[in-house]
Amino acid sequence: MTTDDFIQLKAPQLAAYGEGFYQQQISLTELRLYLWDTLEEWFVLGKNGEAQSDIERVFWFLLYSFEKWPEWALLGNQYLSQQLRQCCAFLAGNGDLPDGCAGVRPTAKVS
């Protein structure tokens, strides 16, 4: 599987999980389990390097943000929740590229 294939498969899924969280259909715990499963699959691919597309940069930004921020911030900070929902819409193909949402591809440690 190529990096593009992985992102094209996972981006709409992440968007759906994110929107599910904001619509209170999915718990943060369930969302984070999805995140860790996704990271595990990514590391199996063994891809390194810079994120190559806008979709990939937004994908990694959104994934990292859902892991980094506590639930009270994700739900209570209006700017943050609006930004993350814009990222979800973009990844789902329903919105424009959000400003300031440029994530970095995680790298597998090579021994």
Protein backbone atom coordinates (compact mmCIF):
# COMPACT_ATOMS: atom_id res chain seq x y z
CA MET A 1 0.00 0.00 0.00
CA THR A 2 1.34 3.42 -0.91
CA THR A 3 1.24 6.45 1.35
CA ASP A 4 -1.42 8.03 -0.86
CA ASP A 5 -3.55 4.86 -0.70
CA PHE A 6 -3.27 4.84 3.10
CA ILE A 7 -4.27 8.50 3.45
CA GLN A 8 -7.11 8.17 0.92
CA LEU A 9 -8.47 5.20 2.92
CA LYS A 10 -7.97 6.65 6.39
CA ALA A 11 -8.82 10.35 5.91
CA PRO A 12 -12.59 9.86 5.48
CA GLN A 13 -12.59 7.42 8.40
CA LEU A 14 -10.84 9.92 10.66
CA ALA A 15 -13.29 12.62 9.55
CA ALA A 16 -16.23 10.35 10.40
CA TYR A 17 -14.80 9.51 13.83
CA GLY A 18 -14.14 13.19 14.51
CA GLU A 19 -17.65 14.25 13.52
CA GLY A 20 -19.06 11.34 15.50
CA PHE A 21 -17.21 12.63 18.54
CA TYR A 22 -18.53 16.17 18.08
CA GLN A 23 -22.07 14.86 17.57
CA GLN A 24 -21.66 12.83 20.80
CA GLN A 25 -22.11 9.53 18.98
CA ILE A 26 -18.54 8.34 19.67
CA SER A 27 -16.63 8.68 22.93
CA LEU A 28 -13.16 10.19 23.05
CA THR A 29 -11.89 6.81 24.24
CA GLU A 30 -13.28 5.11 21.12
CA LEU A 31 -11.86 7.86 18.91
CA ARG A 32 -8.43 7.46 20.49
CA LEU A 33 -8.52 3.69 20.03
CA TYR A 34 -9.08 4.34 16.33
CA LEU A 35 -6.14 6.78 16.34
CA TRP A 36 -3.77 4.24 17.88
CA ASP A 37 -4.93 1.49 15.51
CA THR A 38 -4.29 3.86 12.61
CA LEU A 39 -0.81 4.71 13.88
CA GLU A 40 -0.02 1.02 14.28
CA GLU A 41 -1.05 0.39 10.67
CA TRP A 42 1.05 3.38 9.57
CA PHE A 43 4.17 2.07 11.27
CA VAL A 44 3.69 -1.34 9.66
CA LEU A 45 3.96 0.46 6.30
CA GLY A 46 7.33 1.82 7.42
CA LYS A 47 6.97 5.10 5.56
CA ASN A 48 9.12 8.08 6.46
CA GLY A 49 9.60 11.52 4.99
CA GLU A 50 7.55 14.68 4.76
CA ALA A 51 3.79 14.78 4.31
CA GLN A 52 3.21 15.23 0.59
CA SER A 53 -0.30 16.60 0.16
CA ASP A 54 -2.74 18.98 1.82
CA ILE A 55 -4.96 16.04 2.72
CA GLU A 56 -2.08 14.23 4.40
CA ARG A 57 -0.99 17.33 6.34
CA VAL A 58 -4.54 17.95 7.58
CA PHE A 59 -4.91 14.24 8.40
CA TRP A 60 -1.84 14.20 10.65
CA PHE A 61 -2.79 17.53 12.24
CA LEU A 62 -6.26 16.24 13.10
CA LEU A 63 -5.01 12.89 14.38
CA TYR A 64 -2.42 14.57 16.61
CA SER A 65 -4.93 17.15 17.87
CA PHE A 66 -7.45 14.52 18.97
CA GLU A 67 -4.70 12.74 20.88
CA LYS A 68 -3.11 15.85 22.38
CA TRP A 69 -6.05 17.84 23.72
CA PRO A 70 -8.15 16.83 26.72
CA GLU A 71 -11.87 16.34 26.20
CA TRP A 72 -12.80 19.59 27.95
CA ALA A 73 -10.64 21.53 25.46
CA LEU A 74 -11.88 19.62 22.42
CA LEU A 75 -15.47 20.37 23.36
CA GLY A 76 -15.18 23.62 25.31
CA ASN A 77 -12.70 25.65 23.27
CA GLN A 78 -14.78 27.11 20.46
CA TYR A 79 -11.80 28.04 18.28
CA LEU A 80 -10.26 24.57 18.60
CA SER A 81 -13.49 22.68 18.01
CA GLN A 82 -14.33 24.85 14.99
CA GLN A 83 -10.85 24.30 13.54
CA LEU A 84 -11.01 20.53 14.05
CA ARG A 85 -14.50 20.31 12.57
CA GLN A 86 -13.24 22.23 9.52
CA CYS A 87 -10.47 19.65 9.23
CA CYS A 88 -13.07 16.86 9.41
CA ALA A 89 -15.14 18.51 6.68
CA PHE A 90 -12.08 18.93 4.46
CA LEU A 91 -11.04 15.28 4.89
CA ALA A 92 -14.60 14.18 4.14
CA GLY A 93 -14.55 16.23 0.92
CA ASN A 94 -17.10 18.73 2.22
CA GLY A 95 -14.99 21.78 2.90
CA ASP A 96 -12.08 23.98 1.96
CA LEU A 97 -8.50 23.58 3.15
CA PRO A 98 -8.48 24.95 6.71
CA ASP A 99 -5.86 27.53 7.67
CA GLY A 100 -3.10 26.54 10.07
CA CYS A 101 -3.72 22.79 9.97
CA ALA A 102 -0.42 21.42 8.72
CA GLY A 103 0.53 18.22 10.51
CA VAL A 104 3.76 16.30 10.28
CA ARG A 105 4.04 12.70 9.24
CA PRO A 106 5.13 10.46 12.14
CA THR A 107 8.34 8.61 11.44
CA ALA A 108 9.19 5.07 12.31
CA LYS A 109 12.38 4.78 14.26
CA VAL A 110 14.91 2.94 12.14
CA SER A 111 17.62 1.01 13.96
